[in-house]
Protein backbone atom coordinates (compact mmCIF):
# COMPACT_ATOMS: atom_id res chain seq x y z
CA MET A 1 -48.36 -28.98 -11.82
CA PRO A 2 -45.06 -29.97 -11.00
CA GLY A 3 -41.67 -30.62 -12.04
CA ILE A 4 -39.87 -33.54 -10.51
CA ILE A 5 -36.31 -34.18 -10.29
CA VAL A 6 -35.53 -38.33 -9.88
CA LEU A 7 -31.60 -38.60 -9.32
CA GLY A 8 -29.19 -40.95 -7.77
CA THR A 9 -27.69 -40.58 -4.59
CA GLN A 10 -24.78 -42.84 -4.44
CA TRP A 11 -22.67 -43.96 -7.33
CA GLY A 12 -25.17 -44.85 -10.08
CA ASP A 13 -26.71 -47.79 -10.84
CA GLU A 14 -29.09 -47.35 -8.13
CA GLY A 15 -32.38 -48.54 -10.29
CA LYS A 16 -33.69 -44.69 -10.97
CA GLY A 17 -36.20 -46.46 -13.50
CA LYS A 18 -37.68 -47.70 -10.59
CA ALA A 19 -38.61 -44.64 -9.15
CA VAL A 20 -39.68 -43.29 -12.85
CA ASP A 21 -42.23 -46.07 -13.30
CA ALA A 22 -43.63 -45.70 -10.00
CA LEU A 23 -44.43 -41.99 -11.21
CA GLY A 24 -46.08 -43.75 -14.39
CA GLU A 25 -49.10 -41.94 -15.88
CA HIS A 26 -48.73 -38.96 -13.84
CA VAL A 27 -45.93 -37.96 -16.07
CA ASP A 28 -46.39 -35.69 -19.32
CA LEU A 29 -42.82 -35.43 -20.60
CA VAL A 30 -39.19 -37.03 -19.19
CA VAL A 31 -36.44 -35.11 -19.68
CA ARG A 32 -32.74 -36.11 -19.52
CA TYR A 33 -30.51 -33.13 -18.76
CA SER A 34 -27.10 -34.49 -18.02
CA GLY A 35 -24.41 -37.28 -19.27
CA GLY A 36 -24.26 -39.54 -22.15
CA ASN A 37 -24.48 -42.94 -23.37
CA ASN A 38 -21.81 -43.55 -20.67
CA ALA A 39 -24.71 -44.39 -18.17
CA GLY A 40 -26.51 -47.48 -18.54
CA HIS A 41 -30.02 -48.34 -17.18
CA THR A 42 -32.23 -51.42 -17.09
CA VAL A 43 -35.48 -51.60 -17.26
CA VAL A 44 -37.85 -54.84 -16.88
CA VAL A 45 -41.02 -54.67 -18.52
CA GLY A 46 -43.60 -57.52 -18.79
CA GLY A 47 -40.77 -59.68 -17.84
CA GLU A 48 -38.45 -58.49 -20.84
CA LYS A 49 -35.34 -56.52 -19.98
CA PHE A 50 -33.88 -53.15 -22.08
CA ILE A 51 -30.98 -51.52 -21.38
CA MET A 52 -30.41 -48.35 -22.43
CA HIS A 53 -27.28 -46.02 -22.53
CA LEU A 54 -28.69 -42.47 -23.98
CA LEU A 55 -32.23 -42.91 -23.84
CA PRO A 56 -34.22 -42.26 -20.93
CA ALA A 57 -35.71 -44.83 -18.91
CA GLY A 58 -39.21 -42.88 -19.29
CA ILE A 59 -38.73 -43.54 -23.25
CA LEU A 60 -41.33 -46.47 -22.36
CA ASN A 61 -43.87 -44.54 -20.71
CA ARG A 62 -46.04 -44.17 -24.15
CA ASN A 63 -47.89 -41.39 -22.22
CA ALA A 64 -44.81 -38.77 -22.26
CA THR A 65 -43.07 -36.89 -24.53
CA THR A 66 -39.61 -37.46 -24.21
CA VAL A 67 -36.83 -34.84 -24.42
CA ILE A 68 -33.33 -34.52 -24.50
CA GLY A 69 -31.81 -31.85 -22.52
CA ASN A 70 -28.59 -28.93 -23.69
CA GLY A 71 -26.53 -30.64 -20.50
CA VAL A 72 -26.63 -34.34 -22.51
CA VAL A 73 -23.54 -34.94 -24.71
CA VAL A 74 -25.38 -37.01 -27.60
CA ASP A 75 -23.67 -39.68 -29.78
CA LEU A 76 -26.09 -40.06 -32.84
CA ASP A 77 -24.94 -43.38 -33.75
CA VAL A 78 -26.41 -44.59 -30.38
CA LEU A 79 -29.44 -42.56 -30.60
CA TYR A 80 -30.86 -44.55 -33.39
CA HIS A 81 -29.55 -47.71 -32.72
CA GLU A 82 -31.36 -48.03 -29.63
CA LEU A 83 -34.51 -46.14 -31.33
CA ASP A 84 -34.23 -48.82 -33.93
CA GLY A 85 -33.49 -51.87 -31.37
CA LEU A 86 -36.52 -50.98 -29.51
CA ALA A 87 -38.33 -50.92 -33.11
CA ALA A 88 -37.11 -53.91 -33.49
CA ARG A 89 -38.49 -55.74 -30.01
CA GLY A 90 -42.23 -54.29 -30.96
CA GLU A 91 -42.16 -50.90 -28.66
CA VAL A 92 -42.77 -48.59 -31.01
CA VAL A 93 -41.79 -44.72 -29.34
CA ASP A 94 -41.71 -41.50 -30.24
CA HIS A 95 -38.49 -39.97 -31.25
CA PRO A 96 -37.15 -37.85 -28.73
CA LEU A 97 -37.09 -33.85 -28.98
CA ILE A 98 -33.69 -32.69 -28.54
CA SER A 99 -32.29 -29.56 -27.82
CA ALA A 100 -30.51 -27.41 -30.31
CA ASN A 101 -28.07 -26.72 -27.69
CA ALA A 102 -26.92 -30.39 -26.94
CA HIS A 103 -23.44 -30.92 -27.80
CA LEU A 104 -22.55 -33.87 -29.99
CA ILE A 105 -20.05 -36.75 -29.50
CA THR A 106 -18.03 -36.98 -32.34
CA SER A 107 -15.24 -40.31 -33.16
CA TYR A 108 -12.69 -37.78 -32.49
CA HIS A 109 -13.83 -37.54 -28.65
CA GLN A 110 -13.98 -41.31 -28.98
CA THR A 111 -10.74 -42.23 -29.83
CA LEU A 112 -9.07 -39.37 -27.31
CA ASP A 113 -10.46 -40.37 -24.54
CA LYS A 114 -9.61 -43.83 -24.99
CA VAL A 115 -5.49 -42.63 -25.75
CA THR A 116 -5.82 -40.57 -23.19
CA GLU A 117 -6.68 -43.47 -20.55
CA ARG A 118 -4.21 -45.55 -21.71
CA PHE A 119 -1.54 -43.20 -21.56
CA ALA A 120 -2.80 -42.59 -17.68
CA GLY A 121 -2.08 -46.03 -16.88
CA ARG A 122 -2.52 -46.82 -13.63
CA LYS A 123 -3.48 -43.45 -13.11
CA ARG A 124 -6.60 -43.59 -15.00
CA ILE A 125 -10.05 -42.50 -13.89
CA GLY A 126 -11.57 -45.30 -15.13
CA THR A 127 -13.92 -44.08 -17.84
CA THR A 128 -15.79 -45.88 -20.32
CA GLY A 129 -14.25 -44.61 -23.58
CA ARG A 130 -17.27 -43.32 -25.41
CA GLY A 131 -15.80 -39.79 -25.35
CA ILE A 132 -18.00 -38.27 -22.70
CA GLY A 133 -15.33 -36.28 -21.18
CA PRO A 134 -13.55 -34.66 -23.92
CA THR A 135 -17.00 -33.67 -25.53
CA TYR A 136 -17.56 -31.67 -22.40
CA SER A 137 -14.23 -30.73 -22.46
CA ASP A 138 -14.74 -28.92 -25.94
CA LYS A 139 -18.11 -27.60 -24.50
CA VAL A 140 -16.09 -25.75 -22.00
CA ASN A 141 -13.48 -24.88 -24.26
CA ARG A 142 -16.06 -23.50 -26.80
CA VAL A 143 -14.89 -25.38 -29.55
CA GLY A 144 -17.62 -28.33 -29.12
CA ILE A 145 -20.23 -29.19 -31.90
CA ARG A 146 -23.93 -28.80 -31.29
CA VAL A 147 -26.90 -30.23 -32.92
CA SER A 148 -27.87 -27.31 -33.95
CA ASP A 149 -24.68 -27.34 -36.05
CA LEU A 150 -26.81 -29.95 -38.43
CA LEU A 151 -28.71 -27.71 -39.77
CA ASP A 152 -25.60 -25.95 -41.62
CA ALA A 153 -23.43 -28.26 -43.45
CA ASP A 154 -21.03 -25.97 -44.28
CA LEU A 155 -20.69 -23.94 -41.07
CA LEU A 156 -20.49 -27.94 -39.61
CA HIS A 157 -17.67 -28.26 -41.59
CA ASP A 158 -16.02 -25.40 -40.34
CA LYS A 159 -16.68 -26.35 -36.99
CA VAL A 160 -15.01 -29.85 -37.20
CA VAL A 161 -11.90 -28.47 -38.76
CA ALA A 162 -11.19 -25.72 -36.26
CA SER A 163 -11.82 -28.22 -33.35
CA LEU A 164 -9.42 -30.70 -34.80
CA ASP A 165 -6.50 -28.13 -35.47
CA MET A 166 -5.23 -28.83 -31.99
CA LYS A 167 -6.47 -32.57 -31.55
CA ASN A 168 -4.66 -33.49 -34.27
CA GLN A 169 -1.10 -32.13 -33.11
CA THR A 170 -2.09 -33.84 -29.79
CA LEU A 171 -2.95 -37.17 -31.38
CA VAL A 172 0.88 -36.89 -33.76
CA LYS A 173 3.15 -35.39 -31.34
CA ILE A 174 2.08 -37.33 -27.51
CA TYR A 175 -0.28 -40.38 -28.94
CA ASN A 176 1.89 -41.29 -32.11
CA ARG A 177 -1.34 -41.89 -33.60
CA ARG A 178 -2.61 -40.64 -37.18
CA GLU A 179 -4.08 -37.34 -37.58
CA ILE A 180 -7.90 -37.38 -38.14
CA ASP A 181 -9.50 -36.36 -41.34
CA ALA A 182 -12.29 -33.24 -40.90
CA ASP A 183 -13.97 -34.34 -44.05
CA ILE A 184 -14.77 -37.71 -42.38
CA VAL A 185 -16.23 -36.78 -39.34
CA THR A 186 -18.45 -34.35 -40.97
CA GLU A 187 -19.92 -36.98 -43.33
CA GLN A 188 -20.70 -39.13 -40.22
CA LEU A 189 -22.33 -36.80 -38.39
CA LEU A 190 -24.37 -35.54 -41.42
CA ALA A 191 -25.89 -39.04 -42.22
CA HIS A 192 -28.29 -38.71 -39.18
CA ALA A 193 -28.75 -35.09 -39.97
CA GLU A 194 -31.94 -35.00 -42.00
CA ARG A 195 -33.56 -37.86 -39.38
CA ILE A 196 -33.05 -35.74 -36.83
CA ARG A 197 -33.89 -32.35 -38.27
CA PRO A 198 -37.58 -32.16 -37.39
CA TYR A 199 -37.07 -33.19 -33.16
CA ILE A 200 -35.12 -30.38 -32.74
CA VAL A 201 -36.44 -27.98 -30.64
CA ASP A 202 -35.85 -24.89 -28.56
CA ALA A 203 -36.12 -27.43 -25.65
CA ALA A 204 -35.95 -24.42 -22.91
CA ARG A 205 -39.17 -22.53 -24.29
CA LEU A 206 -40.50 -25.88 -25.00
CA LEU A 207 -40.65 -27.31 -21.25
CA ASN A 208 -41.22 -24.04 -19.71
CA ASP A 209 -44.45 -23.59 -21.81
CA GLU A 210 -45.07 -27.16 -20.82
CA LEU A 211 -45.23 -26.42 -17.20
CA ASP A 212 -46.81 -22.95 -17.36
CA ALA A 213 -49.81 -25.31 -18.88
CA GLY A 214 -49.89 -27.38 -16.23
CA LYS A 215 -48.11 -30.28 -17.25
CA VAL A 216 -46.36 -32.62 -15.04
CA VAL A 217 -42.11 -32.84 -16.15
CA LEU A 218 -39.63 -35.66 -14.78
CA PHE A 219 -36.30 -34.75 -14.89
CA GLU A 220 -34.52 -37.95 -15.15
CA GLY A 221 -31.21 -37.88 -14.32
CA ALA A 222 -28.23 -40.06 -15.06
CA GLN A 223 -25.17 -41.20 -13.06
CA ALA A 224 -25.38 -40.00 -9.79
CA HIS A 225 -24.39 -37.52 -6.68
CA HIS A 226 -21.48 -38.76 -6.07
CA LEU A 227 -20.21 -38.86 -9.32
CA ASP A 228 -21.13 -35.22 -9.68
CA VAL A 229 -17.92 -32.79 -11.36
CA ASP A 230 -18.30 -30.95 -8.32
CA HIS A 231 -19.87 -32.54 -5.46
CA GLY A 232 -18.52 -36.33 -6.10
CA THR A 233 -15.49 -38.13 -5.44
CA TYR A 234 -13.59 -35.82 -7.30
CA PRO A 235 -11.40 -37.06 -9.75
CA TYR A 236 -13.31 -40.09 -10.10
CA VAL A 237 -16.35 -38.26 -11.24
CA THR A 238 -18.13 -37.84 -14.38
CA SER A 239 -17.54 -35.18 -16.36
CA SER A 240 -21.48 -33.24 -16.02
CA ASN A 241 -23.61 -32.12 -13.12
CA PRO A 242 -25.98 -35.22 -12.46
CA THR A 243 -27.01 -33.57 -9.13
CA ALA A 244 -30.76 -31.03 -9.00
CA GLY A 245 -28.63 -28.17 -10.07
CA GLY A 246 -28.02 -29.82 -13.09
CA ALA A 247 -31.57 -30.37 -13.86
CA CYS A 248 -31.82 -26.59 -14.35
CA THR A 249 -28.70 -25.59 -16.27
CA GLY A 250 -29.09 -28.78 -18.42
CA THR A 251 -32.91 -28.25 -19.36
CA GLY A 252 -33.18 -24.35 -19.02
CA VAL A 253 -35.99 -24.45 -16.63
CA GLY A 254 -35.15 -22.36 -13.57
CA PRO A 255 -35.10 -23.69 -9.80
CA THR A 256 -38.47 -22.42 -8.80
CA ARG A 257 -40.06 -25.08 -11.17
CA ILE A 258 -38.83 -27.63 -9.17
CA ASP A 259 -41.30 -29.14 -6.75
CA ARG A 260 -40.10 -32.56 -5.81
CA VAL A 261 -36.60 -33.86 -5.51
CA ILE A 262 -36.87 -37.94 -5.33
CA GLY A 263 -33.09 -39.06 -4.39
CA VAL A 264 -32.67 -43.14 -5.47
CA ALA A 265 -30.87 -45.31 -3.71
CA LYS A 266 -29.46 -48.97 -3.43
CA ALA A 267 -30.41 -50.83 -0.10
CA TYR A 268 -26.64 -51.84 -0.25
CA THR A 269 -23.97 -49.91 -2.38
CA THR A 270 -22.18 -50.41 -5.89
CA ARG A 271 -19.76 -48.47 -7.51
CA VAL A 272 -18.00 -49.25 -11.22
CA GLY A 273 -14.65 -47.85 -12.10
CA GLU A 274 -11.86 -46.08 -9.74
CA GLY A 275 -12.33 -44.32 -6.44
CA PRO A 276 -12.73 -44.20 -2.65
CA PHE A 277 -15.57 -46.71 -1.59
CA PRO A 278 -15.29 -47.29 2.69
CA SER A 279 -17.75 -49.91 2.48
CA GLU A 280 -16.79 -51.99 -0.09
CA LEU A 281 -16.36 -56.01 0.61
CA PHE A 282 -13.71 -58.11 -0.67
CA ASP A 283 -14.67 -61.29 0.56
CA ALA A 284 -17.76 -63.68 -0.08
CA ALA A 285 -20.24 -61.51 0.89
CA GLY A 286 -19.11 -59.35 -1.81
CA GLU A 287 -19.52 -61.98 -4.01
CA ARG A 288 -23.21 -63.26 -2.80
CA LEU A 289 -24.25 -59.55 -3.19
CA ARG A 290 -23.11 -59.41 -6.70
CA ALA A 291 -24.26 -62.55 -7.50
CA ASP A 292 -28.01 -61.91 -6.31
CA GLY A 293 -28.03 -58.21 -7.43
CA GLY A 294 -27.13 -59.01 -10.66
CA GLU A 295 -24.10 -56.52 -10.37
CA TYR A 296 -22.72 -55.80 -13.59
CA GLY A 297 -22.79 -52.36 -15.27
CA ALA A 298 -25.33 -52.21 -18.26
CA THR A 299 -22.50 -49.87 -20.45
CA THR A 300 -19.76 -52.13 -19.82
CA GLY A 301 -20.38 -55.03 -18.55
CA ARG A 302 -17.75 -54.96 -15.96
CA PRO A 303 -18.57 -56.25 -12.24
CA ARG A 304 -19.65 -53.76 -9.75
CA ARG A 305 -17.58 -53.29 -6.69
CA CYS A 306 -19.76 -53.93 -4.09
CA GLY A 307 -20.57 -53.00 -0.22
CA TRP A 308 -23.43 -52.44 2.77
CA PHE A 309 -25.20 -48.90 2.85
CA ASP A 310 -23.51 -46.23 3.32
CA ALA A 311 -25.58 -44.06 5.18
CA PRO A 312 -23.27 -40.94 5.08
CA VAL A 313 -22.75 -41.02 1.69
CA VAL A 314 -26.80 -40.86 0.73
CA GLU A 315 -27.04 -38.06 3.67
CA VAL A 316 -25.02 -35.37 1.93
CA ALA A 317 -26.55 -36.48 -1.22
CA ASN A 318 -30.20 -35.53 0.42
CA ARG A 319 -28.72 -32.14 1.65
CA VAL A 320 -27.19 -31.14 -1.39
CA ASN A 321 -29.56 -32.02 -3.64
CA GLY A 322 -32.72 -30.86 -1.32
CA CYS A 323 -34.07 -34.32 -1.79
CA THR A 324 -38.27 -34.31 -0.59
CA ASP A 325 -38.21 -38.23 -0.84
CA VAL A 326 -36.15 -41.09 -1.05
CA PHE A 327 -37.15 -44.28 -3.18
CA LEU A 328 -35.08 -47.59 -1.84
CA THR A 329 -34.13 -50.05 -4.60
CA LYS A 330 -33.46 -53.85 -4.38
CA LEU A 331 -34.25 -54.20 -0.80
CA ASP A 332 -35.10 -57.90 -1.81
CA VAL A 333 -31.79 -58.88 -2.60
CA LEU A 334 -30.90 -58.16 0.82
CA SER A 335 -33.55 -61.34 2.20
CA GLY A 336 -31.56 -64.19 3.46
CA TRP A 337 -29.02 -62.47 5.40
CA GLU A 338 -28.88 -63.35 8.91
CA ARG A 339 -27.87 -59.57 9.80
CA ILE A 340 -26.99 -56.47 7.76
CA PRO A 341 -24.19 -54.30 8.64
CA VAL A 342 -25.02 -50.22 7.70
CA CYS A 343 -22.55 -47.67 7.55
CA VAL A 344 -23.03 -45.49 9.92
CA ALA A 345 -20.04 -43.65 10.19
CA TYR A 346 -16.24 -43.44 9.67
CA GLU A 347 -12.86 -43.80 11.39
CA ILE A 348 -10.62 -41.24 10.10
CA ASN A 349 -7.07 -40.89 11.43
CA GLY A 350 -8.02 -42.45 14.57
CA GLN A 351 -11.04 -39.76 14.62
CA ARG A 352 -14.84 -41.02 14.48
CA SER A 353 -16.65 -38.78 11.71
CA ASP A 354 -20.36 -38.97 11.72
CA ILE A 355 -20.56 -36.68 8.39
CA TYR A 356 -19.66 -37.06 4.77
CA PRO A 357 -15.76 -35.75 5.04
CA MET A 358 -14.97 -32.46 3.54
CA THR A 359 -11.64 -33.70 1.72
CA GLN A 360 -11.06 -36.62 -0.75
CA SER A 361 -7.93 -37.09 1.00
CA GLU A 362 -9.84 -38.17 4.40
CA PHE A 363 -12.41 -39.95 2.44
CA GLN A 364 -9.74 -41.83 0.78
CA VAL A 365 -8.53 -43.64 4.10
CA ALA A 366 -12.15 -43.62 5.81
CA LYS A 367 -12.99 -46.80 7.43
CA PRO A 368 -16.33 -48.02 7.67
CA ILE A 369 -18.04 -48.00 11.26
CA PHE A 370 -21.08 -50.24 11.26
CA GLU A 371 -24.27 -50.77 13.28
CA PHE A 372 -25.27 -54.50 12.52
CA LEU A 373 -29.35 -55.02 12.14
CA PRO A 374 -31.43 -58.04 12.07
CA GLY A 375 -31.99 -59.46 8.50
CA TRP A 376 -35.15 -61.30 7.50
CA THR A 377 -35.54 -64.86 5.58
CA GLU A 378 -39.01 -64.08 3.84
CA ASP A 379 -39.20 -63.71 0.09
CA ILE A 380 -40.62 -59.75 -0.42
CA THR A 381 -41.29 -59.89 -4.13
CA LYS A 382 -44.38 -60.10 -3.97
CA ILE A 383 -45.33 -57.91 -1.17
CA ARG A 384 -47.16 -54.60 -1.93
CA ASP A 385 -48.01 -53.31 1.20
CA PHE A 386 -45.52 -52.13 3.50
CA ASP A 387 -46.82 -53.30 6.58
CA ARG A 388 -46.96 -56.81 4.92
CA LEU A 389 -43.15 -56.28 5.09
CA PRO A 390 -41.25 -58.73 7.72
CA ALA A 391 -40.59 -56.68 10.97
CA ASN A 392 -37.18 -56.91 10.30
CA CYS A 393 -37.23 -55.66 7.27
CA ARG A 394 -39.37 -52.49 8.05
CA ALA A 395 -37.10 -52.25 11.24
CA TYR A 396 -34.35 -51.83 8.11
CA VAL A 397 -36.47 -49.57 5.86
CA LYS A 398 -36.92 -47.23 9.09
CA ARG A 399 -33.57 -47.42 10.52
CA LEU A 400 -32.28 -46.22 7.31
CA GLU A 401 -34.54 -43.52 7.00
CA GLU A 402 -33.31 -42.15 10.28
CA LEU A 403 -30.08 -42.14 9.02
CA ILE A 404 -30.07 -40.28 5.91
CA ARG A 405 -32.72 -37.75 7.12
CA CYS A 406 -35.42 -38.00 4.49
CA ARG A 407 -38.73 -39.98 4.49
CA ILE A 408 -38.27 -43.02 2.15
CA SER A 409 -41.39 -43.14 -0.23
CA GLY A 410 -41.06 -46.33 -2.12
CA ILE A 411 -39.49 -49.77 -2.03
CA GLY A 412 -38.06 -51.77 -5.43
CA VAL A 413 -38.68 -55.51 -4.30
CA GLY A 414 -37.92 -56.99 -7.22
CA PRO A 415 -36.73 -56.10 -11.15
CA GLY A 416 -40.33 -56.00 -12.48
CA ARG A 417 -41.82 -52.34 -13.22
CA GLU A 418 -44.61 -53.51 -10.56
CA GLN A 419 -42.54 -54.96 -8.24
CA ALA A 420 -42.92 -51.87 -5.76
CA VAL A 421 -43.89 -51.08 -2.08
CA MET A 422 -45.79 -46.99 -2.16
CA ILE A 423 -45.53 -45.51 1.42
CA ASN A 424 -46.21 -41.87 0.31
CA ASP A 425 -47.23 -40.42 -3.37
CA LEU A 426 -44.58 -38.95 -5.31
CA VAL A 427 -46.81 -36.83 -7.63
């Protein structure tokens, strides 16, 4: 049975939970493989909205086991805030299994994230200030704290002391802040040690064993391709690899175990934070998309930047990730537009380019070249069959399919998990 990756093809907030819901009862395990609690996502179940940042959307699938892989950075306070919050609302979910090799976000990572961003001023990246980047930095610098360190209090304390040695000098001498006490940080981390202990696992072995047993494993991506530290709009990116390759390195599952890669794309484009965005709207049209789509960040509450669908952005994501299918979300938001622009190419330094530019300096100055497609007025939120969609709506989907060079197998037509039009099976 297959390993399936679901990932974003734009700048996040595509509605990946919709694709996860479409897989439904077919899934035996749901695995988060990258990022941290900087990746907010919203799932609507039975008319009730659930906003989560660390737990994957698949946690609400009671038939599936949830796993947090080694590529994720874990804030234990957030983990238990979300689990306890779900329980308080009547959603009794199993505690996720957590890779022993996943790294932990500490209070000093959060402090460094905030003061560094403030110090950068106008050159800031636009982080959420939740310690994600500094935690990944420690991981690469080999001074990070891992989940397995919670099993040995003395070792944990020694590692915190070693990690804080240089950081405290930086805080005091550069940022004019107080030193951070290693004892306090250790106590903060150990506060959750007993609760998490039974759920610490060798995730790589577990997942490979489950795949060997014929189970369906869903690798749920956070953020998106264009926020990937290697393939995204660097430096305006996250600190991990949300791309398909990250699903392998972030879980310990080899690429030959992956059978399907589902890219999720919004029917228009949004972005949060700094960075280039050629099809961005600065007028009433952008305000209308934001209002109709409810485009406010689940993590920060910041208004999302809105623009028209950018085909080269999605096409290159499909190419790099080897997407077998695309799930198009929020198509219902476009109902009522007389005509709908789609970015099909760019003008860069006076020249037309039909492909995503190689350098960020080119992308920074790229101007969108639009193709205008006829809109539709009908409400499509209750439609579940592709052939029942308005003719212009179907034509819009088919044109996007041509431009992004990948078949569109599912369409979101509303926030509810049942509000989807399936064209092809995803399992």
